[in-house]
PDB file of N, CA and C in Angstrom:
ATOM      1  N   ARG A   1      24.250  20.552  -2.922  1.00  0.00           N
ATOM      2  CA  ARG A   1      25.058  19.441  -2.453  1.00  0.00           C
ATOM      3  C   ARG A   1      26.321  19.935  -1.768  1.00  0.00           C
ATOM      4  N   ALA A   2      26.947  20.925  -2.364  1.00  0.00           N
ATOM      5  CA  ALA A   2      28.191  21.454  -1.801  1.00  0.00           C
ATOM      6  C   ALA A   2      27.937  22.078  -0.429  1.00  0.00           C
ATOM      7  N   LYS A   3      26.845  22.817  -0.297  1.00  0.00           N
ATOM      8  CA  LYS A   3      26.528  23.454   0.983  1.00  0.00           C
ATOM      9  C   LYS A   3      26.368  22.401   2.080  1.00  0.00           C
ATOM     10  N   ALA A   4      25.600  21.361   1.802  1.00  0.00           N
ATOM     11  CA  ALA A   4      25.398  20.296   2.793  1.00  0.00           C
ATOM     12  C   ALA A   4      26.710  19.595   3.102  1.00  0.00           C
ATOM     13  N   HIS A   5      27.517  19.359   2.079  1.00  0.00           N
ATOM     14  CA  HIS A   5      28.809  18.695   2.265  1.00  0.00           C
ATOM     15  C   HIS A   5      29.686  19.481   3.237  1.00  0.00           C
ATOM     16  N   TYR A   6      29.810  20.784   3.010  1.00  0.00           N
ATOM     17  CA  TYR A   6      30.696  21.591   3.855  1.00  0.00           C
ATOM     18  C   TYR A   6      30.094  21.883   5.227  1.00  0.00           C
ATOM     19  N   LEU A   7      28.790  22.020   5.303  1.00  0.00           N
ATOM     20  CA  LEU A   7      28.158  22.180   6.614  1.00  0.00           C
ATOM     21  C   LEU A   7      28.381  20.932   7.469  1.00  0.00           C
ATOM     22  N   ALA A   8      28.262  19.769   6.847  1.00  0.00           N
ATOM     23  CA  ALA A   8      28.435  18.499   7.572  1.00  0.00           C
ATOM     24  C   ALA A   8      29.847  18.348   8.112  1.00  0.00           C
ATOM     25  N   ARG A   9      30.812  18.872   7.412  1.00  0.00           N
ATOM     26  CA  ARG A   9      32.204  18.743   7.832  1.00  0.00           C
ATOM     27  C   ARG A   9      32.701  19.931   8.645  1.00  0.00           C
ATOM     28  N   GLY A  10      31.890  20.967   8.693  1.00  0.00           N
ATOM     29  CA  GLY A  10      32.252  22.170   9.433  1.00  0.00           C
ATOM     30  C   GLY A  10      31.408  22.328  10.683  1.00  0.00           C
ATOM     31  N   PRO A  11      30.494  23.299  10.685  1.00  0.00           N
ATOM     32  CA  PRO A  11      29.740  23.612  11.905  1.00  0.00           C
ATOM     33  C   PRO A  11      28.810  22.519  12.410  1.00  0.00           C
ATOM     34  N   LEU A  12      28.437  21.579  11.553  1.00  0.00           N
ATOM     35  CA  LEU A  12      27.524  20.512  11.992  1.00  0.00           C
ATOM     36  C   LEU A  12      28.250  19.254  12.465  1.00  0.00           C
ATOM     37  N   ALA A  13      29.550  19.206  12.277  1.00  0.00           N
ATOM     38  CA  ALA A  13      30.318  18.026  12.697  1.00  0.00           C
ATOM     39  C   ALA A  13      30.173  17.831  14.206  1.00  0.00           C
ATOM     40  N   GLY A  14      29.842  16.618  14.602  1.00  0.00           N
ATOM     41  CA  GLY A  14      29.703  16.294  16.017  1.00  0.00           C
ATOM     42  C   GLY A  14      28.359  16.645  16.627  1.00  0.00           C
ATOM     43  N   ARG A  15      27.452  17.202  15.854  1.00  0.00           N
ATOM     44  CA  ARG A  15      26.121  17.551  16.375  1.00  0.00           C
ATOM     45  C   ARG A  15      25.269  16.296  16.486  1.00  0.00           C
ATOM     46  N   ASP A  16      24.447  16.230  17.532  1.00  0.00           N
ATOM     47  CA  ASP A  16      23.569  15.070  17.682  1.00  0.00           C
ATOM     48  C   ASP A  16      22.179  15.322  17.104  1.00  0.00           C
ATOM     49  N   ALA A  17      21.917  16.537  16.639  1.00  0.00           N
ATOM     50  CA  ALA A  17      20.633  16.861  16.023  1.00  0.00           C
ATOM     51  C   ALA A  17      20.787  18.099  15.157  1.00  0.00           C
ATOM     52  N   VAL A  18      20.123  18.059  14.014  1.00  0.00           N
ATOM     53  CA  VAL A  18      20.032  19.227  13.139  1.00  0.00           C
ATOM     54  C   VAL A  18      18.557  19.483  12.895  1.00  0.00           C
ATOM     55  N   ILE A  19      18.139  20.718  13.147  1.00  0.00           N
ATOM     56  CA  ILE A  19      16.769  21.139  12.892  1.00  0.00           C
ATOM     57  C   ILE A  19      16.825  22.146  11.750  1.00  0.00           C
ATOM     58  N   VAL A  20      15.992  21.946  10.746  1.00  0.00           N
ATOM     59  CA  VAL A  20      15.962  22.834   9.586  1.00  0.00           C
ATOM     60  C   VAL A  20      14.741  23.734   9.706  1.00  0.00           C
ATOM     61  N   TRP A  21      14.969  25.049   9.728  1.00  0.00           N
ATOM     62  CA  TRP A  21      13.861  26.010   9.785  1.00  0.00           C
ATOM     63  C   TRP A  21      13.453  26.294   8.352  1.00  0.00           C
ATOM     64  N   GLY A  22      12.305  25.787   7.982  1.00  0.00           N
ATOM     65  CA  GLY A  22      11.786  25.924   6.626  1.00  0.00           C
ATOM     66  C   GLY A  22      11.538  24.553   6.032  1.00  0.00           C
ATOM     67  N   SER A  23      10.277  24.279   5.698  1.00  0.00           N
ATOM     68  CA  SER A  23       9.966  22.981   5.093  1.00  0.00           C
ATOM     69  C   SER A  23       9.479  23.136   3.661  1.00  0.00           C
ATOM     70  N   GLY A  24       9.726  24.320   3.094  1.00  0.00           N
ATOM     71  CA  GLY A  24       9.408  24.543   1.683  1.00  0.00           C
ATOM     72  C   GLY A  24      10.516  23.983   0.813  1.00  0.00           C
ATOM     73  N   MET A  25      10.599  24.479  -0.411  1.00  0.00           N
ATOM     74  CA  MET A  25      11.555  23.944  -1.368  1.00  0.00           C
ATOM     75  C   MET A  25      12.995  23.995  -0.847  1.00  0.00           C
ATOM     76  N   MET A  26      13.420  25.125  -0.318  1.00  0.00           N
ATOM     77  CA  MET A  26      14.803  25.261   0.161  1.00  0.00           C
ATOM     78  C   MET A  26      15.083  24.308   1.320  1.00  0.00           C
ATOM     79  N   GLY A  27      14.194  24.272   2.288  1.00  0.00           N
ATOM     80  CA  GLY A  27      14.386  23.405   3.447  1.00  0.00           C
ATOM     81  C   GLY A  27      14.365  21.932   3.089  1.00  0.00           C
ATOM     82  N   ARG A  28      13.430  21.553   2.210  1.00  0.00           N
ATOM     83  CA  ARG A  28      13.352  20.153   1.768  1.00  0.00           C
ATOM     84  C   ARG A  28      14.634  19.724   1.067  1.00  0.00           C
ATOM     85  N   ARG A  29      15.109  20.568   0.173  1.00  0.00           N
ATOM     86  CA  ARG A  29      16.340  20.230  -0.561  1.00  0.00           C
ATOM     87  C   ARG A  29      17.532  20.111   0.387  1.00  0.00           C
ATOM     88  N   LEU A  30      17.673  21.098   1.265  1.00  0.00           N
ATOM     89  CA  LEU A  30      18.798  21.058   2.196  1.00  0.00           C
ATOM     90  C   LEU A  30      18.678  19.860   3.129  1.00  0.00           C
ATOM     91  N   GLY A  31      17.488  19.606   3.634  1.00  0.00           N
ATOM     92  CA  GLY A  31      17.279  18.460   4.522  1.00  0.00           C
ATOM     93  C   GLY A  31      17.649  17.152   3.855  1.00  0.00           C
ATOM     94  N   LYS A  32      17.232  16.991   2.611  1.00  0.00           N
ATOM     95  CA  LYS A  32      17.545  15.768   1.857  1.00  0.00           C
ATOM     96  C   LYS A  32      19.053  15.616   1.701  1.00  0.00           C
ATOM     97  N   ARG A  33      19.720  16.696   1.333  1.00  0.00           N
ATOM     98  CA  ARG A  33      21.177  16.643   1.142  1.00  0.00           C
ATOM     99  C   ARG A  33      21.902  16.362   2.453  1.00  0.00           C
ATOM    100  N   LEU A  34      21.415  16.935   3.551  1.00  0.00           N
ATOM    101  CA  LEU A  34      22.032  16.676   4.853  1.00  0.00           C
ATOM    102  C   LEU A  34      21.862  15.218   5.261  1.00  0.00           C
ATOM    103  N   LEU A  35      20.688  14.677   5.022  1.00  0.00           N
ATOM    104  CA  LEU A  35      20.468  13.256   5.319  1.00  0.00           C
ATOM    105  C   LEU A  35      21.389  12.381   4.469  1.00  0.00           C
ATOM    106  N   ASN A  36      21.621  12.777   3.231  1.00  0.00           N
ATOM    107  CA  ASN A  36      22.561  12.046   2.371  1.00  0.00           C
ATOM    108  C   ASN A  36      23.989  12.117   2.902  1.00  0.00           C
ATOM    109  N   GLU A  37      24.279  13.154   3.685  1.00  0.00           N
ATOM    110  CA  GLU A  37      25.601  13.317   4.321  1.00  0.00           C
ATOM    111  C   GLU A  37      25.626  12.660   5.709  1.00  0.00           C
ATOM    112  N   ASP A  38      24.596  11.882   6.030  1.00  0.00           N
ATOM    113  CA  ASP A  38      24.464  11.203   7.328  1.00  0.00           C
ATOM    114  C   ASP A  38      24.366  12.164   8.508  1.00  0.00           C
ATOM    115  N   MET A  39      23.791  13.328   8.271  1.00  0.00           N
ATOM    116  CA  MET A  39      23.558  14.277   9.349  1.00  0.00           C
ATOM    117  C   MET A  39      22.251  13.912  10.059  1.00  0.00           C
ATOM    118  N   PRO A  40      22.212  14.097  11.379  1.00  0.00           N
ATOM    119  CA  PRO A  40      21.029  13.714  12.160  1.00  0.00           C
ATOM    120  C   PRO A  40      19.910  14.765  12.117  1.00  0.00           C
ATOM    121  N   VAL A  41      19.303  14.931  10.939  1.00  0.00           N
ATOM    122  CA  VAL A  41      18.163  15.846  10.823  1.00  0.00           C
ATOM    123  C   VAL A  41      17.012  15.227  11.608  1.00  0.00           C
ATOM    124  N   VAL A  42      16.467  15.991  12.559  1.00  0.00           N
ATOM    125  CA  VAL A  42      15.418  15.438  13.426  1.00  0.00           C
ATOM    126  C   VAL A  42      14.057  16.091  13.217  1.00  0.00           C
ATOM    127  N   ALA A  43      14.028  17.319  12.667  1.00  0.00           N
ATOM    128  CA  ALA A  43      12.747  18.011  12.491  1.00  0.00           C
ATOM    129  C   ALA A  43      12.928  19.204  11.561  1.00  0.00           C
ATOM    130  N   PHE A  44      11.791  19.666  11.052  1.00  0.00           N
ATOM    131  CA  PHE A  44      11.715  20.892  10.271  1.00  0.00           C
ATOM    132  C   PHE A  44      10.777  21.837  11.012  1.00  0.00           C
ATOM    133  N   VAL A  45      11.060  23.125  10.958  1.00  0.00           N
ATOM    134  CA  VAL A  45      10.203  24.137  11.570  1.00  0.00           C
ATOM    135  C   VAL A  45       9.538  24.923  10.452  1.00  0.00           C
ATOM    136  N   ASP A  46       8.256  25.231  10.616  1.00  0.00           N
ATOM    137  CA  ASP A  46       7.575  26.051   9.623  1.00  0.00           C
ATOM    138  C   ASP A  46       6.466  26.845  10.302  1.00  0.00           C
ATOM    139  N   ILE A  47       6.140  28.000   9.703  1.00  0.00           N
ATOM    140  CA  ILE A  47       5.058  28.825  10.246  1.00  0.00           C
ATOM    141  C   ILE A  47       3.728  28.556   9.555  1.00  0.00           C
ATOM    142  N   ASP A  48       3.749  27.810   8.463  1.00  0.00           N
ATOM    143  CA  ASP A  48       2.541  27.530   7.702  1.00  0.00           C
ATOM    144  C   ASP A  48       1.716  26.443   8.392  1.00  0.00           C
ATOM    145  N   PRO A  49       0.512  26.791   8.859  1.00  0.00           N
ATOM    146  CA  PRO A  49      -0.315  25.801   9.550  1.00  0.00           C
ATOM    147  C   PRO A  49      -0.638  24.573   8.694  1.00  0.00           C
ATOM    148  N   LYS A  50      -0.619  24.720   7.365  1.00  0.00           N
ATOM    149  CA  LYS A  50      -0.895  23.589   6.479  1.00  0.00           C
ATOM    150  C   LYS A  50       0.244  22.571   6.483  1.00  0.00           C
ATOM    151  N   LYS A  51       1.445  23.019   6.834  1.00  0.00           N
ATOM    152  CA  LYS A  51       2.613  22.127   6.843  1.00  0.00           C
ATOM    153  C   LYS A  51       2.872  21.515   8.223  1.00  0.00           C
ATOM    154  N   ILE A  52       2.528  22.249   9.269  1.00  0.00           N
ATOM    155  CA  ILE A  52       2.771  21.775  10.635  1.00  0.00           C
ATOM    156  C   ILE A  52       1.973  20.501  10.879  1.00  0.00           C
ATOM    157  N   GLY A  53       2.636  19.501  11.431  1.00  0.00           N
ATOM    158  CA  GLY A  53       2.011  18.211  11.677  1.00  0.00           C
ATOM    159  C   GLY A  53       2.273  17.200  10.571  1.00  0.00           C
ATOM    160  N   ARG A  54       2.787  17.664   9.459  1.00  0.00           N
ATOM    161  CA  ARG A  54       3.149  16.754   8.362  1.00  0.00           C
ATOM    162  C   ARG A  54       4.591  16.306   8.552  1.00  0.00           C
ATOM    163  N   THR A  55       5.127  15.633   7.556  1.00  0.00           N
ATOM    164  CA  THR A  55       6.526  15.211   7.608  1.00  0.00           C
ATOM    165  C   THR A  55       7.245  15.621   6.334  1.00  0.00           C
ATOM    166  N   ARG A  56       8.556  15.738   6.451  1.00  0.00           N
ATOM    167  CA  ARG A  56       9.473  15.950   5.337  1.00  0.00           C
ATOM    168  C   ARG A  56      10.597  14.942   5.515  1.00  0.00           C
ATOM    169  N   GLN A  57      10.856  14.138   4.526  1.00  0.00           N
ATOM    170  CA  GLN A  57      11.864  13.080   4.611  1.00  0.00           C
ATOM    171  C   GLN A  57      11.682  12.228   5.875  1.00  0.00           C
ATOM    172  N   GLY A  58      10.429  12.025   6.249  1.00  0.00           N
ATOM    173  CA  GLY A  58      10.119  11.204   7.409  1.00  0.00           C
ATOM    174  C   GLY A  58      10.311  11.902   8.746  1.00  0.00           C
ATOM    175  N   LYS A  59      10.615  13.193   8.731  1.00  0.00           N
ATOM    176  CA  LYS A  59      10.828  13.965   9.964  1.00  0.00           C
ATOM    177  C   LYS A  59       9.653  14.914  10.167  1.00  0.00           C
ATOM    178  N   PRO A  60       9.267  15.163  11.411  1.00  0.00           N
ATOM    179  CA  PRO A  60       8.103  16.007  11.658  1.00  0.00           C
ATOM    180  C   PRO A  60       8.335  17.471  11.316  1.00  0.00           C
ATOM    181  N   VAL A  61       7.261  18.118  10.877  1.00  0.00           N
ATOM    182  CA  VAL A  61       7.256  19.565  10.693  1.00  0.00           C
ATOM    183  C   VAL A  61       6.583  20.139  11.933  1.00  0.00           C
ATOM    184  N   ILE A  62       7.321  20.956  12.661  1.00  0.00           N
ATOM    185  CA  ILE A  62       6.832  21.518  13.922  1.00  0.00           C
ATOM    186  C   ILE A  62       6.654  23.031  13.796  1.00  0.00           C
ATOM    187  N   SER A  63       5.930  23.596  14.735  1.00  0.00           N
ATOM    188  CA  SER A  63       5.730  25.047  14.747  1.00  0.00           C
ATOM    189  C   SER A  63       6.876  25.710  15.523  1.00  0.00           C
ATOM    190  N   PRO A  64       7.084  27.014  15.306  1.00  0.00           N
ATOM    191  CA  PRO A  64       8.094  27.720  16.097  1.00  0.00           C
ATOM    192  C   PRO A  64       7.830  27.627  17.604  1.00  0.00           C
ATOM    193  N   ASP A  65       6.553  27.507  17.986  1.00  0.00           N
ATOM    194  CA  ASP A  65       6.217  27.384  19.405  1.00  0.00           C
ATOM    195  C   ASP A  65       6.768  26.101  20.021  1.00  0.00           C
ATOM    196  N   ASP A  66       6.947  25.067  19.207  1.00  0.00           N
ATOM    197  CA  ASP A  66       7.463  23.788  19.700  1.00  0.00           C
ATOM    198  C   ASP A  66       8.977  23.654  19.558  1.00  0.00           C
ATOM    199  N   PHE A  67       9.588  24.644  18.923  1.00  0.00           N
ATOM    200  CA  PHE A  67      11.014  24.545  18.620  1.00  0.00           C
ATOM    201  C   PHE A  67      11.883  24.346  19.854  1.00  0.00           C
ATOM    202  N   MET A  68      11.716  25.151  20.885  1.00  0.00           N
ATOM    203  CA  MET A  68      12.602  25.058  22.046  1.00  0.00           C
ATOM    204  C   MET A  68      12.442  23.732  22.787  1.00  0.00           C
ATOM    205  N   ASP A  69      11.250  23.150  22.744  1.00  0.00           N
ATOM    206  CA  ASP A  69      11.069  21.813  23.319  1.00  0.00           C
ATOM    207  C   ASP A  69      11.946  20.810  22.576  1.00  0.00           C
ATOM    208  N   TRP A  70      11.916  20.865  21.256  1.00  0.00           N
ATOM    209  CA  TRP A  70      12.756  19.970  20.450  1.00  0.00           C
ATOM    210  C   TRP A  70      14.234  20.268  20.684  1.00  0.00           C
ATOM    211  N   TRP A  71      14.601  21.522  20.729  1.00  0.00           N
ATOM    212  CA  TRP A  71      15.992  21.932  20.944  1.00  0.00           C
ATOM    213  C   TRP A  71      16.521  21.339  22.252  1.00  0.00           C
ATOM    214  N   GLY A  72      15.722  21.364  23.280  1.00  0.00           N
ATOM    215  CA  GLY A  72      16.132  20.895  24.600  1.00  0.00           C
ATOM    216  C   GLY A  72      16.286  19.385  24.721  1.00  0.00           C
ATOM    217  N   ARG A  73      15.862  18.644  23.728  1.00  0.00           N
ATOM    218  CA  ARG A  73      15.970  17.184  23.764  1.00  0.00           C
ATOM    219  C   ARG A  73      17.379  16.678  23.460  1.00  0.00           C
ATOM    220  N   TYR A  74      18.247  17.553  22.987  1.00  0.00           N
ATOM    221  CA  TYR A  74      19.553  17.123  22.488  1.00  0.00           C
ATOM    222  C   TYR A  74      20.688  17.851  23.212  1.00  0.00           C
ATOM    223  N   GLN A  75      21.846  17.208  23.221  1.00  0.00           N
ATOM    224  CA  GLN A  75      23.023  17.780  23.876  1.00  0.00           C
ATOM    225  C   GLN A  75      23.725  18.813  22.997  1.00  0.00           C
ATOM    226  N   GLN A  76      23.822  18.539  21.710  1.00  0.00           N
ATOM    227  CA  GLN A  76      24.556  19.397  20.776  1.00  0.00           C
ATOM    228  C   GLN A  76      23.734  19.683  19.521  1.00  0.00           C
ATOM    229  N   PRO A  77      22.566  20.305  19.648  1.00  0.00           N
ATOM    230  CA  PRO A  77      21.761  20.561  18.457  1.00  0.00           C
ATOM    231  C   PRO A  77      22.286  21.747  17.647  1.00  0.00           C
ATOM    232  N   ALA A  78      21.876  21.800  16.403  1.00  0.00           N
ATOM    233  CA  ALA A  78      22.164  22.936  15.528  1.00  0.00           C
ATOM    234  C   ALA A  78      20.914  23.244  14.717  1.00  0.00           C
ATOM    235  N   LEU A  79      20.763  24.510  14.378  1.00  0.00           N
ATOM    236  CA  LEU A  79      19.627  24.952  13.573  1.00  0.00           C
ATOM    237  C   LEU A  79      20.157  25.550  12.280  1.00  0.00           C
ATOM    238  N   LEU A  80      19.520  25.194  11.178  1.00  0.00           N
ATOM    239  CA  LEU A  80      19.820  25.807   9.886  1.00  0.00           C
ATOM    240  C   LEU A  80      18.558  26.474   9.370  1.00  0.00           C
ATOM    241  N   ALA A  81      18.625  27.766   9.097  1.00  0.00           N
ATOM    242  CA  ALA A  81      17.499  28.492   8.520  1.00  0.00           C
ATOM    243  C   ALA A  81      17.589  28.366   7.011  1.00  0.00           C
ATOM    244  N   ALA A  82      16.583  27.778   6.393  1.00  0.00           N
ATOM    245  CA  ALA A  82      16.588  27.530   4.959  1.00  0.00           C
ATOM    246  C   ALA A  82      15.274  27.980   4.340  1.00  0.00           C
ATOM    247  N   VAL A  83      15.046  29.283   4.383  1.00  0.00           N
ATOM    248  CA  VAL A  83      13.841  29.873   3.812  1.00  0.00           C
ATOM    249  C   VAL A  83      14.297  30.951   2.832  1.00  0.00           C
ATOM    250  N   GLY A  84      13.863  30.838   1.595  1.00  0.00           N
ATOM    251  CA  GLY A  84      14.322  31.760   0.571  1.00  0.00           C
ATOM    252  C   GLY A  84      13.441  32.982   0.362  1.00  0.00           C
ATOM    253  N   ALA A  85      12.320  33.075   1.049  1.00  0.00           N
ATOM    254  CA  ALA A  85      11.409  34.206   0.853  1.00  0.00           C
ATOM    255  C   ALA A  85      12.063  35.509   1.310  1.00  0.00           C
ATOM    256  N   ARG A  86      11.793  36.558   0.557  1.00  0.00           N
ATOM    257  CA  ARG A  86      12.342  37.877   0.874  1.00  0.00           C
ATOM    258  C   ARG A  86      11.934  38.304   2.287  1.00  0.00           C
ATOM    259  N   GLY A  87      12.900  38.704   3.088  1.00  0.00           N
ATOM    260  CA  GLY A  87      12.656  39.172   4.445  1.00  0.00           C
ATOM    261  C   GLY A  87      12.586  38.078   5.495  1.00  0.00           C
ATOM    262  N   ALA A  88      12.546  36.821   5.063  1.00  0.00           N
ATOM    263  CA  ALA A  88      12.396  35.716   6.012  1.00  0.00           C
ATOM    264  C   ALA A  88      13.602  35.600   6.938  1.00  0.00           C
ATOM    265  N   ARG A  89      14.797  35.803   6.410  1.00  0.00           N
ATOM    266  CA  ARG A  89      15.997  35.640   7.231  1.00  0.00           C
ATOM    267  C   ARG A  89      15.976  36.573   8.443  1.00  0.00           C
ATOM    268  N   ASP A  90      15.578  37.820   8.228  1.00  0.00           N
ATOM    269  CA  ASP A  90      15.526  38.771   9.349  1.00  0.00           C
ATOM    270  C   ASP A  90      14.478  38.370  10.379  1.00  0.00           C
ATOM    271  N   LEU A  91      13.325  37.885   9.912  1.00  0.00           N
ATOM    272  CA  LEU A  91      12.281  37.444  10.839  1.00  0.00           C
ATOM    273  C   LEU A  91      12.738  36.221  11.633  1.00  0.00           C
ATOM    274  N   ILE A  92      13.363  35.288  10.961  1.00  0.00           N
ATOM    275  CA  ILE A  92      13.870  34.092  11.649  1.00  0.00           C
ATOM    276  C   ILE A  92      14.964  34.491  12.632  1.00  0.00           C
ATOM    277  N   ARG A  93      15.884  35.353  12.190  1.00  0.00           N
ATOM    278  CA  ARG A  93      16.977  35.807  13.066  1.00  0.00           C
ATOM    279  C   ARG A  93      16.415  36.422  14.359  1.00  0.00           C
ATOM    280  N   GLN A  94      15.414  37.264  14.213  1.00  0.00           N
ATOM    281  CA  GLN A  94      14.817  37.903  15.385  1.00  0.00           C
ATOM    282  C   GLN A  94      14.206  36.867  16.334  1.00  0.00           C
ATOM    283  N   GLN A  95      13.459  35.939  15.785  1.00  0.00           N
ATOM    284  CA  GLN A  95      12.813  34.929  16.622  1.00  0.00           C
ATOM    285  C   GLN A  95      13.837  34.016  17.290  1.00  0.00           C
ATOM    286  N   VAL A  96      14.822  33.563  16.535  1.00  0.00           N
ATOM    287  CA  VAL A  96      15.826  32.656  17.079  1.00  0.00           C
ATOM    288  C   VAL A  96      16.695  33.368  18.122  1.00  0.00           C
ATOM    289  N   ASN A  97      17.023  34.624  17.861  1.00  0.00           N
ATOM    290  CA  ASN A  97      17.774  35.388  18.865  1.00  0.00           C
ATOM    291  C   ASN A  97      16.960  35.546  20.152  1.00  0.00           C
ATOM    292  N   ASN A  98      15.647  35.715  20.023  1.00  0.00           N
ATOM    293  CA  ASN A  98      14.783  35.794  21.206  1.00  0.00           C
ATOM    294  C   ASN A  98      14.787  34.495  22.002  1.00  0.00           C
ATOM    295  N   PHE A  99      15.045  33.383  21.339  1.00  0.00           N
ATOM    296  CA  PHE A  99      15.168  32.094  22.023  1.00  0.00           C
ATOM    297  C   PHE A  99      16.497  31.992  22.773  1.00  0.00           C
ATOM    298  N   GLY A 100      17.422  32.916  22.511  1.00  0.00           N
ATOM    299  CA  GLY A 100      18.720  32.890  23.174  1.00  0.00           C
ATOM    300  C   GLY A 100      19.794  32.136  22.404  1.00  0.00           C
ATOM    301  N   LEU A 101      19.496  31.751  21.168  1.00  0.00           N
ATOM    302  CA  LEU A 101      20.490  31.059  20.358  1.00  0.00           C
ATOM    303  C   LEU A 101      21.428  32.081  19.722  1.00  0.00           C
ATOM    304  N   VAL A 102      22.662  31.673  19.505  1.00  0.00           N
ATOM    305  CA  VAL A 102      23.686  32.559  18.977  1.00  0.00           C
ATOM    306  C   VAL A 102      24.025  32.153  17.543  1.00  0.00           C
ATOM    307  N   GLU A 103      23.903  33.125  16.648  1.00  0.00           N
ATOM    308  CA  GLU A 103      24.239  32.857  15.251  1.00  0.00           C
ATOM    309  C   GLU A 103      25.726  32.583  15.119  1.00  0.00           C
ATOM    310  N   GLY A 104      26.045  31.552  14.364  1.00  0.00           N
ATOM    311  CA  GLY A 104      27.438  31.170  14.190  1.00  0.00           C
ATOM    312  C   GLY A 104      27.932  30.170  15.228  1.00  0.00           C
ATOM    313  N   ARG A 105      27.138  29.940  16.252  1.00  0.00           N
ATOM    314  CA  ARG A 105      27.457  28.901  17.246  1.00  0.00           C
ATOM    315  C   ARG A 105      26.339  27.867  17.308  1.00  0.00           C
ATOM    316  N   ASP A 106      25.103  28.349  17.431  1.00  0.00           N
ATOM    317  CA  ASP A 106      23.933  27.478  17.544  1.00  0.00           C
ATOM    318  C   ASP A 106      23.180  27.335  16.233  1.00  0.00           C
ATOM    319  N   TRP A 107      23.246  28.377  15.409  1.00  0.00           N
ATOM    320  CA  TRP A 107      22.455  28.357  14.193  1.00  0.00           C
ATOM    321  C   TRP A 107      23.129  29.142  13.076  1.00  0.00           C
ATOM    322  N   TRP A 108      22.737  28.777  11.825  1.00  0.00           N
ATOM    323  CA  TRP A 108      23.284  29.410  10.631  1.00  0.00           C
ATOM    324  C   TRP A 108      22.176  29.612   9.625  1.00  0.00           C
ATOM    325  N   ALA A 109      22.245  30.715   8.873  1.00  0.00           N
ATOM    326  CA  ALA A 109      21.354  30.922   7.739  1.00  0.00           C
ATOM    327  C   ALA A 109      21.971  30.188   6.558  1.00  0.00           C
ATOM    328  N   ALA A 110      21.215  29.288   5.959  1.00  0.00           N
ATOM    329  CA  ALA A 110      21.744  28.448   4.885  1.00  0.00           C
ATOM    330  C   ALA A 110      21.000  28.622   3.575  1.00  0.00           C
ATOM    331  N   ALA A 111      20.217  29.672   3.466  1.00  0.00           N
ATOM    332  CA  ALA A 111      19.503  29.917   2.204  1.00  0.00           C
ATOM    333  C   ALA A 111      19.789  31.328   1.725  1.00  0.00           C
TER     334      ALA A 111
END
């Protein structure tokens, strides 16, 4: 709750979209808390084919291949990486950096 509270008042303030990378336990919890803070969560990203195409808190779970399409739909989007698996942060960082996003401006690791 505290993380979502401070993210909403800090780096996410004024954003028109928040995308959560990770639709597992960490991503679901963070997404729920962000929605409780009235943050505009629009989608979750996941690499698990069993999760892609489903929803979390009524928002679509998309693949990393669809991420930049979703990112481009908004003027001030932000990405939060919320995957607790060992090594996931480095893999996400590499992929997101390849998209041209800047950590600390466009996206933050939140798990």
